[in-house]
């Protein structure tokens, strides 16, 4: 299964609690932090909800 590199490019300050929870669920706690996640439909859904805050690389 392929993997995705997800980087938090904008802070979660001022975002609603659901978006902060999605970022924490992906392991993104600080700005410019990069995590490697498996490419699953669940992860893709979380990325879609916070797409304006993250950068994704295949």
N, C-alpha and C. Protein backbone atom coordinates (compact mmCIF):
# COMPACT_ATOMS: atom_id res chain seq x y z
N UNK A 1 0.84 -1.17 0.00
CA UNK A 1 0.00 0.00 0.00
C UNK A 1 0.88 1.24 0.00
N UNK A 2 0.49 2.25 -0.74
CA UNK A 2 1.31 3.45 -0.84
C UNK A 2 1.16 4.32 0.41
N UNK A 3 2.04 5.29 0.52
CA UNK A 3 2.04 6.16 1.68
C UNK A 3 1.96 7.61 1.23
N UNK A 4 1.47 8.45 2.12
CA UNK A 4 1.34 9.88 1.87
C UNK A 4 2.17 10.64 2.90
N UNK A 5 2.87 11.69 2.44
CA UNK A 5 3.57 12.58 3.35
C UNK A 5 2.69 13.81 3.52
N UNK A 6 2.24 14.05 4.74
CA UNK A 6 1.34 15.16 5.03
C UNK A 6 2.08 16.16 5.91
N UNK A 7 2.08 17.43 5.50
CA UNK A 7 2.76 18.49 6.24
C UNK A 7 1.75 19.55 6.62
N UNK A 8 1.78 19.97 7.88
CA UNK A 8 0.91 21.05 8.35
C UNK A 8 1.56 22.38 7.97
N UNK A 9 0.90 23.15 7.11
CA UNK A 9 1.48 24.41 6.64
C UNK A 9 0.84 25.63 7.29
N UNK A 10 -0.35 25.49 7.84
CA UNK A 10 -1.00 26.59 8.54
C UNK A 10 -1.41 26.11 9.93
N UNK A 11 -1.39 27.03 10.87
CA UNK A 11 -1.70 26.70 12.25
C UNK A 11 -3.18 26.35 12.42
N UNK A 12 -3.47 25.58 13.44
CA UNK A 12 -4.85 25.22 13.74
C UNK A 12 -5.52 26.22 14.68
N UNK A 13 -4.80 27.28 15.05
CA UNK A 13 -5.37 28.31 15.92
C UNK A 13 -6.55 28.97 15.20
N UNK A 14 -7.66 29.08 15.88
CA UNK A 14 -8.83 29.71 15.30
C UNK A 14 -9.74 28.75 14.56
N UNK A 15 -9.34 27.50 14.41
CA UNK A 15 -10.15 26.51 13.73
C UNK A 15 -11.11 25.87 14.74
N UNK A 16 -12.16 25.26 14.23
CA UNK A 16 -13.12 24.61 15.12
C UNK A 16 -12.50 23.34 15.72
N UNK A 17 -13.11 22.85 16.77
CA UNK A 17 -12.58 21.70 17.50
C UNK A 17 -12.52 20.44 16.63
N UNK A 18 -13.46 20.30 15.70
CA UNK A 18 -13.44 19.11 14.83
C UNK A 18 -12.19 19.09 13.96
N UNK A 19 -11.81 20.25 13.43
CA UNK A 19 -10.61 20.30 12.59
C UNK A 19 -9.36 20.05 13.41
N UNK A 20 -9.31 20.60 14.62
CA UNK A 20 -8.17 20.34 15.49
C UNK A 20 -8.07 18.85 15.82
N UNK A 21 -9.21 18.21 16.02
CA UNK A 21 -9.23 16.78 16.30
C UNK A 21 -8.74 15.96 15.13
N UNK A 22 -9.11 16.38 13.92
CA UNK A 22 -8.62 15.65 12.74
C UNK A 22 -7.12 15.77 12.60
N UNK A 23 -6.60 16.97 12.85
CA UNK A 23 -5.14 17.16 12.77
C UNK A 23 -4.43 16.32 13.82
N UNK A 24 -4.95 16.31 15.03
CA UNK A 24 -4.35 15.48 16.09
C UNK A 24 -4.45 14.00 15.73
N UNK A 25 -5.54 13.60 15.11
CA UNK A 25 -5.71 12.21 14.71
C UNK A 25 -4.68 11.77 13.68
N UNK A 26 -4.22 12.71 12.88
CA UNK A 26 -3.18 12.41 11.90
C UNK A 26 -1.79 12.58 12.47
N UNK A 27 -1.70 13.11 13.70
CA UNK A 27 -0.40 13.28 14.34
C UNK A 27 0.26 14.62 14.04
N UNK A 28 -0.51 15.57 13.53
CA UNK A 28 0.03 16.89 13.21
C UNK A 28 -0.23 17.83 14.37
N UNK A 29 0.82 18.14 15.12
CA UNK A 29 0.65 18.96 16.31
C UNK A 29 1.26 20.35 16.16
N UNK A 30 2.31 20.49 15.38
CA UNK A 30 2.98 21.77 15.20
C UNK A 30 3.08 22.11 13.72
N UNK A 31 3.20 23.40 13.45
CA UNK A 31 3.36 23.86 12.09
C UNK A 31 4.65 23.32 11.49
N UNK A 32 4.61 23.00 10.21
CA UNK A 32 5.75 22.45 9.45
C UNK A 32 6.15 21.05 9.88
N UNK A 33 5.33 20.37 10.66
CA UNK A 33 5.59 18.98 11.02
C UNK A 33 5.09 18.09 9.88
N UNK A 34 5.87 17.07 9.55
CA UNK A 34 5.52 16.14 8.48
C UNK A 34 5.37 14.75 9.06
N UNK A 35 4.29 14.07 8.66
CA UNK A 35 4.06 12.70 9.08
C UNK A 35 3.82 11.86 7.83
N UNK A 36 4.13 10.58 7.92
CA UNK A 36 3.89 9.63 6.83
C UNK A 36 2.72 8.74 7.25
N UNK A 37 1.68 8.73 6.41
CA UNK A 37 0.48 7.96 6.71
C UNK A 37 0.18 7.02 5.56
N UNK A 38 -0.46 5.91 5.88
CA UNK A 38 -0.90 4.97 4.84
C UNK A 38 -2.03 5.59 4.04
N UNK A 39 -2.06 5.30 2.76
CA UNK A 39 -3.08 5.85 1.87
C UNK A 39 -4.36 5.02 1.99
N UNK A 40 -5.23 5.39 2.92
CA UNK A 40 -6.50 4.70 3.12
C UNK A 40 -7.64 5.69 2.90
N UNK A 41 -8.85 5.19 2.67
CA UNK A 41 -9.99 6.10 2.50
C UNK A 41 -10.24 6.97 3.73
N UNK A 42 -9.97 6.45 4.92
CA UNK A 42 -10.17 7.21 6.14
C UNK A 42 -9.22 8.40 6.21
N UNK A 43 -7.96 8.17 5.88
CA UNK A 43 -6.96 9.24 5.89
C UNK A 43 -7.28 10.25 4.80
N UNK A 44 -7.67 9.78 3.63
CA UNK A 44 -8.03 10.70 2.54
C UNK A 44 -9.20 11.59 2.95
N UNK A 45 -10.15 11.05 3.70
CA UNK A 45 -11.29 11.84 4.16
C UNK A 45 -10.86 12.92 5.14
N UNK A 46 -9.96 12.58 6.06
CA UNK A 46 -9.46 13.58 7.01
C UNK A 46 -8.69 14.67 6.29
N UNK A 47 -7.89 14.29 5.30
CA UNK A 47 -7.12 15.27 4.53
C UNK A 47 -8.06 16.19 3.76
N UNK A 48 -9.12 15.65 3.21
CA UNK A 48 -10.07 16.47 2.45
C UNK A 48 -10.73 17.53 3.33
N UNK A 49 -10.98 17.22 4.59
CA UNK A 49 -11.62 18.16 5.49
C UNK A 49 -10.69 19.29 5.93
N UNK A 50 -9.39 19.05 5.95
CA UNK A 50 -8.43 20.07 6.38
C UNK A 50 -7.45 20.41 5.25
N UNK A 51 -7.90 20.30 4.01
CA UNK A 51 -7.03 20.51 2.85
C UNK A 51 -6.41 21.90 2.80
N UNK A 52 -7.10 22.89 3.36
CA UNK A 52 -6.58 24.26 3.34
C UNK A 52 -5.47 24.48 4.37
N UNK A 53 -5.23 23.50 5.22
CA UNK A 53 -4.20 23.62 6.27
C UNK A 53 -2.98 22.75 6.01
N UNK A 54 -3.08 21.79 5.09
CA UNK A 54 -1.99 20.82 4.90
C UNK A 54 -1.51 20.78 3.46
N UNK A 55 -0.30 20.20 3.30
CA UNK A 55 0.26 19.92 1.97
C UNK A 55 0.50 18.42 1.91
N UNK A 56 0.08 17.79 0.81
CA UNK A 56 0.18 16.34 0.67
C UNK A 56 1.10 16.00 -0.49
N UNK A 57 2.00 15.04 -0.25
CA UNK A 57 2.89 14.52 -1.29
C UNK A 57 2.68 13.03 -1.37
N UNK A 58 2.62 12.51 -2.59
CA UNK A 58 2.41 11.07 -2.80
C UNK A 58 3.70 10.31 -2.55
